């Protein structure tokens, strides 16, 4: 089963006085790139999230936003050394020993320090992240199924065109042999029939497309196999499509029958359209 690199997942929940919201978005990228936006999670949680994503996602740009509200604890610290220096400075410069009040020192930088820390329930946070990740991977799978249906339909189109070209080629080779023979016969009166048949056959073989059609059919089968695998590779599918396009291009150049040439050009178009779709496959 192929997976899209485009996806979206969201999970939010309230537990007591804590609230967590996790949003995950994915877009195309050559490799796996994880962007995690949350300033207050611990390094352990950061690493946990990156490890889980790495196990579930092969490639794509994954943006993760985590928002949470939780009760905070505040602690106040008085820098006694700075306070003593302040008192000493007042005494030395003003000649008085001042009994300082809280209102006197609260706005002086460095003396009164406040440390606020949010209480984060890591188990709660992990649970919501995993729910959002499942939602995200499910959406990628659904998009992958849509892409697979499009690719399946276009592969059927390729197979249909191969069969039409084969059928047309059988008619064309007999027509070509007859035309070559008539042309030679009109120019030469004294003929070696055996040599004539041999030369005509060689000329006809120059336009034989059976080798290209065989390779195109092989690539078509490879595509079917890859998109039906449990874990399909977008890079491999893209490579196969490059080869299929190349063969279709060679075919369009080699064929001189207008009907068959148009079939080959349609085949190139289908291959190019599939390549556009596959750019979004993991």
Protein backbone atom coordinates (compact mmCIF):
# COMPACT_ATOMS: atom_id res chain seq x y z
CA UNK A 1 0.00 0.00 0.00
CA UNK A 2 1.40 3.37 -0.98
CA UNK A 3 1.17 6.32 1.40
CA UNK A 4 0.87 10.01 0.64
CA UNK A 5 3.36 12.43 2.17
CA UNK A 6 0.49 14.90 2.59
CA UNK A 7 -1.53 14.46 5.76
CA UNK A 8 -3.07 16.15 8.76
CA UNK A 9 -3.63 15.02 12.34
CA UNK A 10 -5.12 16.75 15.36
CA UNK A 11 -5.81 15.77 18.95
CA UNK A 12 -6.77 17.87 21.95
CA UNK A 13 -7.98 17.03 25.42
CA UNK A 14 -8.51 18.44 28.91
CA UNK A 15 -7.44 16.59 32.03
CA UNK A 16 -8.12 18.37 35.28
CA UNK A 17 -6.51 21.79 35.08
CA UNK A 18 -4.29 20.78 32.13
CA UNK A 19 -5.14 21.14 28.44
CA UNK A 20 -3.10 19.75 25.52
CA UNK A 21 -3.47 20.29 21.76
CA UNK A 22 -1.27 18.53 19.18
CA UNK A 23 -1.41 19.40 15.47
CA UNK A 24 0.61 17.52 12.81
CA UNK A 25 0.92 18.51 9.14
CA UNK A 26 2.86 16.74 6.39
CA UNK A 27 3.96 17.83 2.90
CA UNK A 28 6.29 16.53 0.18
CA UNK A 29 10.01 16.32 0.83
CA UNK A 30 12.87 14.20 -0.50
CA UNK A 31 13.82 13.03 2.99
CA UNK A 32 12.30 12.98 6.48
CA UNK A 33 12.40 16.42 8.09
CA UNK A 34 10.73 16.97 11.46
CA UNK A 35 9.91 20.46 12.73
CA UNK A 36 8.72 20.55 16.35
CA UNK A 37 7.31 23.80 17.69
CA UNK A 38 6.87 23.94 21.46
CA UNK A 39 9.17 25.88 23.72
CA UNK A 40 8.35 24.26 27.03
CA UNK A 41 8.60 20.48 26.51
CA UNK A 42 11.56 18.63 27.97
CA UNK A 43 14.40 17.16 25.93
CA UNK A 44 13.12 13.66 26.77
CA UNK A 45 9.70 14.40 25.30
CA UNK A 46 11.30 16.05 22.26
CA UNK A 47 13.40 12.93 21.63
CA UNK A 48 10.43 10.64 22.27
CA UNK A 49 8.36 12.46 19.62
CA UNK A 50 11.18 12.40 17.04
CA UNK A 51 11.80 8.68 17.60
CA UNK A 52 8.11 7.78 17.21
CA UNK A 53 7.76 9.86 14.04
CA UNK A 54 10.93 8.28 12.62
CA UNK A 55 9.50 4.80 13.16
CA UNK A 56 6.21 5.62 11.41
CA UNK A 57 7.26 8.01 8.65
CA UNK A 58 9.87 7.29 5.95
CA UNK A 59 10.03 10.67 4.22
CA UNK A 60 8.23 14.00 4.02
CA UNK A 61 8.32 17.32 5.88
CA UNK A 62 6.44 16.91 9.16
CA UNK A 63 5.45 20.00 11.16
CA UNK A 64 4.34 19.37 14.76
CA UNK A 65 2.79 22.07 16.95
CA UNK A 66 2.12 21.39 20.63
CA UNK A 67 0.14 23.79 22.82
CA UNK A 68 -0.71 23.17 26.43
CA UNK A 69 -2.10 24.97 29.42
CA UNK A 70 -1.23 23.79 32.88
CA UNK A 71 -0.94 25.22 36.39
CA UNK A 72 2.34 26.94 37.08
CA UNK A 73 4.41 27.08 40.24
CA UNK A 74 6.23 30.30 41.12
CA UNK A 75 9.22 30.61 43.42
CA UNK A 76 10.75 33.85 44.67
CA UNK A 77 14.45 34.29 45.41
CA UNK A 78 16.19 37.24 47.05
CA UNK A 79 19.83 37.80 46.12
CA UNK A 80 21.12 38.49 49.64
CA UNK A 81 24.54 39.50 48.40
CA UNK A 82 23.12 42.25 46.19
CA UNK A 83 20.82 43.32 49.04
CA UNK A 84 23.77 43.67 51.43
CA UNK A 85 25.68 45.66 48.81
CA UNK A 86 22.66 47.98 48.41
CA UNK A 87 22.43 48.58 52.14
CA UNK A 88 26.17 49.20 52.35
CA UNK A 89 26.03 51.63 49.43
CA UNK A 90 23.21 53.59 51.09
CA UNK A 91 25.11 53.74 54.38
CA UNK A 92 28.44 54.70 52.76
CA UNK A 93 26.93 57.36 50.50
CA UNK A 94 24.11 58.72 52.63
CA UNK A 95 25.50 58.02 56.07
CA UNK A 96 22.36 56.29 57.22
CA UNK A 97 21.45 52.71 57.89
CA UNK A 98 18.16 52.20 56.09
CA UNK A 99 15.63 49.47 56.96
CA UNK A 100 14.44 48.56 53.49
CA UNK A 101 10.89 47.47 52.78
CA UNK A 102 9.66 45.11 50.03
CA UNK A 103 8.34 48.06 48.05
CA UNK A 104 11.84 49.58 48.12
CA UNK A 105 13.56 46.62 46.47
CA UNK A 106 10.89 44.95 44.24
CA UNK A 107 11.75 47.06 41.17
CA UNK A 108 15.53 46.94 41.56
CA UNK A 109 16.93 44.55 38.92
CA UNK A 110 18.59 41.39 40.23
CA UNK A 111 17.57 41.56 43.89
CA UNK A 112 14.14 39.93 43.66
CA UNK A 113 13.93 37.02 41.22
CA UNK A 114 10.83 35.04 40.24
CA UNK A 115 10.99 31.56 38.74
CA UNK A 116 7.81 30.18 37.20
CA UNK A 117 7.55 26.59 36.10
CA UNK A 118 4.62 24.80 34.52
CA UNK A 119 3.69 21.39 35.82
CA UNK A 120 3.47 19.14 32.73
CA UNK A 121 1.98 15.66 32.78
CA UNK A 122 4.25 13.84 30.30
CA UNK A 123 2.01 10.77 30.16
CA UNK A 124 -0.94 12.95 29.20
CA UNK A 125 1.17 14.75 26.59
CA UNK A 126 2.44 11.50 25.04
CA UNK A 127 -1.07 10.08 24.85
CA UNK A 128 -2.39 13.08 22.94
CA UNK A 129 0.61 13.11 20.63
CA UNK A 130 0.10 9.42 19.75
CA UNK A 131 -3.59 10.07 19.02
CA UNK A 132 -2.67 12.97 16.71
CA UNK A 133 0.01 10.83 15.01
CA UNK A 134 -2.52 8.06 14.34
CA UNK A 135 -4.91 10.62 12.88
CA UNK A 136 -2.04 11.93 10.74
CA UNK A 137 -0.95 8.50 9.43
CA UNK A 138 -4.57 7.52 8.75
CA UNK A 139 -5.02 10.63 6.60
CA UNK A 140 -1.80 9.82 4.70
CA UNK A 141 -3.07 6.29 4.08
CA UNK A 142 -6.39 7.62 2.75
CA UNK A 143 -4.59 10.01 0.40
CA UNK A 144 -2.34 7.14 -0.67
CA UNK A 145 -5.41 5.06 -1.57
CA UNK A 146 -6.71 7.92 -3.73
CA UNK A 147 -3.37 8.15 -5.53
CA UNK A 148 -3.32 4.36 -5.99
CA UNK A 149 -6.72 4.46 -7.70
CA UNK A 150 -5.47 7.15 -10.09
CA UNK A 151 -2.28 5.19 -10.83
CA UNK A 152 -4.24 1.94 -11.31
CA UNK A 153 -6.46 3.63 -13.87
CA UNK A 154 -3.50 5.06 -15.78
CA UNK A 155 -1.67 1.71 -15.77
CA UNK A 156 -4.79 0.18 -17.30
CA UNK A 157 -4.55 2.92 -19.94
CA UNK A 158 -0.91 1.98 -20.62
CA UNK A 159 -1.82 -1.71 -20.98
CA UNK A 160 -4.70 -0.84 -23.29
CA UNK A 161 -2.42 1.26 -25.52
CA UNK A 162 0.17 -1.53 -25.67
CA UNK A 163 -2.50 -3.95 -26.88
CA UNK A 164 -3.72 -1.42 -29.47
CA UNK A 165 -0.19 -0.81 -30.79
CA UNK A 166 0.47 -4.57 -31.00
CA UNK A 167 -2.73 -5.07 -32.93
CA UNK A 168 -1.96 -2.15 -35.23
CA UNK A 169 1.65 -3.35 -35.71
CA UNK A 170 0.48 -6.69 -37.03
CA UNK A 171 -1.56 -4.91 -39.66
CA UNK A 172 1.23 -2.44 -40.33
CA UNK A 173 3.99 -4.99 -40.94
CA UNK A 174 1.97 -6.75 -43.63
CA UNK A 175 1.19 -3.39 -45.22
CA UNK A 176 4.85 -2.38 -45.04
CA UNK A 177 6.06 -5.62 -46.63
CA UNK A 178 3.58 -5.22 -49.47
CA UNK A 179 4.55 -1.60 -50.11
CA UNK A 180 8.28 -2.34 -50.08
CA UNK A 181 7.81 -5.21 -52.49
CA UNK A 182 5.64 -3.16 -54.85
CA UNK A 183 8.10 -0.28 -54.81
CA UNK A 184 11.08 -2.49 -55.58
CA UNK A 185 9.16 -4.35 -58.26
CA UNK A 186 8.32 -1.09 -60.00
CA UNK A 187 12.00 -0.12 -60.15
CA UNK A 188 13.71 -3.38 -60.99
CA UNK A 189 12.69 -5.84 -63.68
CA UNK A 190 15.18 -8.60 -62.99
CA UNK A 191 14.75 -9.67 -59.31
CA UNK A 192 16.30 -12.23 -57.04
CA UNK A 193 13.15 -13.12 -55.10
CA UNK A 194 15.01 -14.64 -52.13
CA UNK A 195 17.29 -11.60 -51.79
CA UNK A 196 14.31 -9.30 -52.20
CA UNK A 197 12.40 -11.00 -49.38
CA UNK A 198 15.46 -10.79 -47.12
CA UNK A 199 16.01 -7.05 -47.73
CA UNK A 200 12.34 -6.26 -47.27
CA UNK A 201 12.27 -8.18 -43.98
CA UNK A 202 15.30 -6.21 -42.73
CA UNK A 203 13.64 -2.92 -43.65
CA UNK A 204 10.46 -3.94 -41.88
CA UNK A 205 12.36 -4.96 -38.74
CA UNK A 206 13.73 -1.43 -38.42
CA UNK A 207 10.22 -0.41 -37.47
CA UNK A 208 9.49 -3.42 -35.28
CA UNK A 209 8.51 -2.13 -31.81
CA UNK A 210 8.08 -5.49 -30.08
CA UNK A 211 11.16 -4.98 -27.84
CA UNK A 212 9.96 -1.60 -26.58
CA UNK A 213 6.45 -2.93 -26.04
CA UNK A 214 7.81 -5.86 -24.04
CA UNK A 215 9.77 -3.51 -21.80
CA UNK A 216 6.77 -1.23 -21.35
CA UNK A 217 4.65 -4.22 -20.33
CA UNK A 218 7.38 -5.25 -17.87
CA UNK A 219 7.46 -1.75 -16.33
CA UNK A 220 3.67 -1.76 -16.13
CA UNK A 221 3.76 -5.01 -14.16
CA UNK A 222 6.49 -3.61 -11.89
CA UNK A 223 4.28 -0.61 -11.13
CA UNK A 224 1.33 -2.82 -10.23
CA UNK A 225 3.51 -4.93 -7.94
CA UNK A 226 4.99 -1.90 -6.18
CA UNK A 227 1.74 -0.02 -5.52
CA UNK A 228 0.17 -3.21 -4.15
CA UNK A 229 3.00 -3.95 -1.71
CA UNK A 230 2.37 -3.57 2.00
CA UNK A 231 4.93 -0.76 2.02
CA UNK A 232 5.42 0.77 -1.43
CA UNK A 233 8.36 3.04 -2.26
CA UNK A 234 7.64 6.35 -3.98
CA UNK A 235 11.28 6.63 -5.09
CA UNK A 236 11.21 3.21 -6.75
CA UNK A 237 7.89 3.92 -8.45
CA UNK A 238 9.28 7.21 -9.77
CA UNK A 239 12.33 5.38 -11.18
CA UNK A 240 10.12 2.80 -12.94
CA UNK A 241 8.02 5.62 -14.40
CA UNK A 242 11.15 7.32 -15.73
CA UNK A 243 12.06 4.10 -17.54
CA UNK A 244 8.51 3.67 -18.83
CA UNK A 245 8.49 7.23 -20.15
CA UNK A 246 11.83 6.67 -21.87
CA UNK A 247 10.54 3.52 -23.61
CA UNK A 248 7.33 5.28 -24.64
CA UNK A 249 9.40 8.13 -26.08
CA UNK A 250 11.57 5.69 -28.07
CA UNK A 251 8.40 4.00 -29.28
CA UNK A 252 6.85 7.27 -30.45
CA UNK A 253 10.00 8.03 -32.48
CA UNK A 254 10.28 4.53 -33.95
CA UNK A 255 6.68 4.16 -35.09
CA UNK A 256 5.73 5.84 -38.36
CA UNK A 257 2.13 4.69 -38.55
CA UNK A 258 0.04 7.74 -37.46
CA UNK A 259 -2.43 5.69 -35.42
CA UNK A 260 0.30 3.79 -33.52
CA UNK A 261 2.35 6.97 -33.04
CA UNK A 262 -0.64 8.67 -31.41
CA UNK A 263 -1.05 5.68 -29.09
CA UNK A 264 2.62 6.02 -28.08
CA UNK A 265 2.21 9.77 -27.46
CA UNK A 266 -0.83 9.05 -25.27
CA UNK A 267 1.32 6.55 -23.38
CA UNK A 268 3.96 9.24 -22.73
CA UNK A 269 1.25 11.55 -21.40
CA UNK A 270 -0.06 8.88 -19.01
CA UNK A 271 3.47 8.18 -17.74
CA UNK A 272 4.08 11.90 -17.14
CA UNK A 273 0.76 12.27 -15.32
CA UNK A 274 1.65 9.32 -13.08
CA UNK A 275 5.01 10.90 -12.29
CA UNK A 276 3.23 14.06 -11.13
CA UNK A 277 1.01 11.99 -8.82
CA UNK A 278 3.87 9.92 -7.46
CA UNK A 279 5.80 13.00 -6.28
CA UNK A 280 3.44 12.95 -3.29
CA UNK A 281 4.08 9.29 -2.41
CA UNK A 282 6.26 8.36 0.57
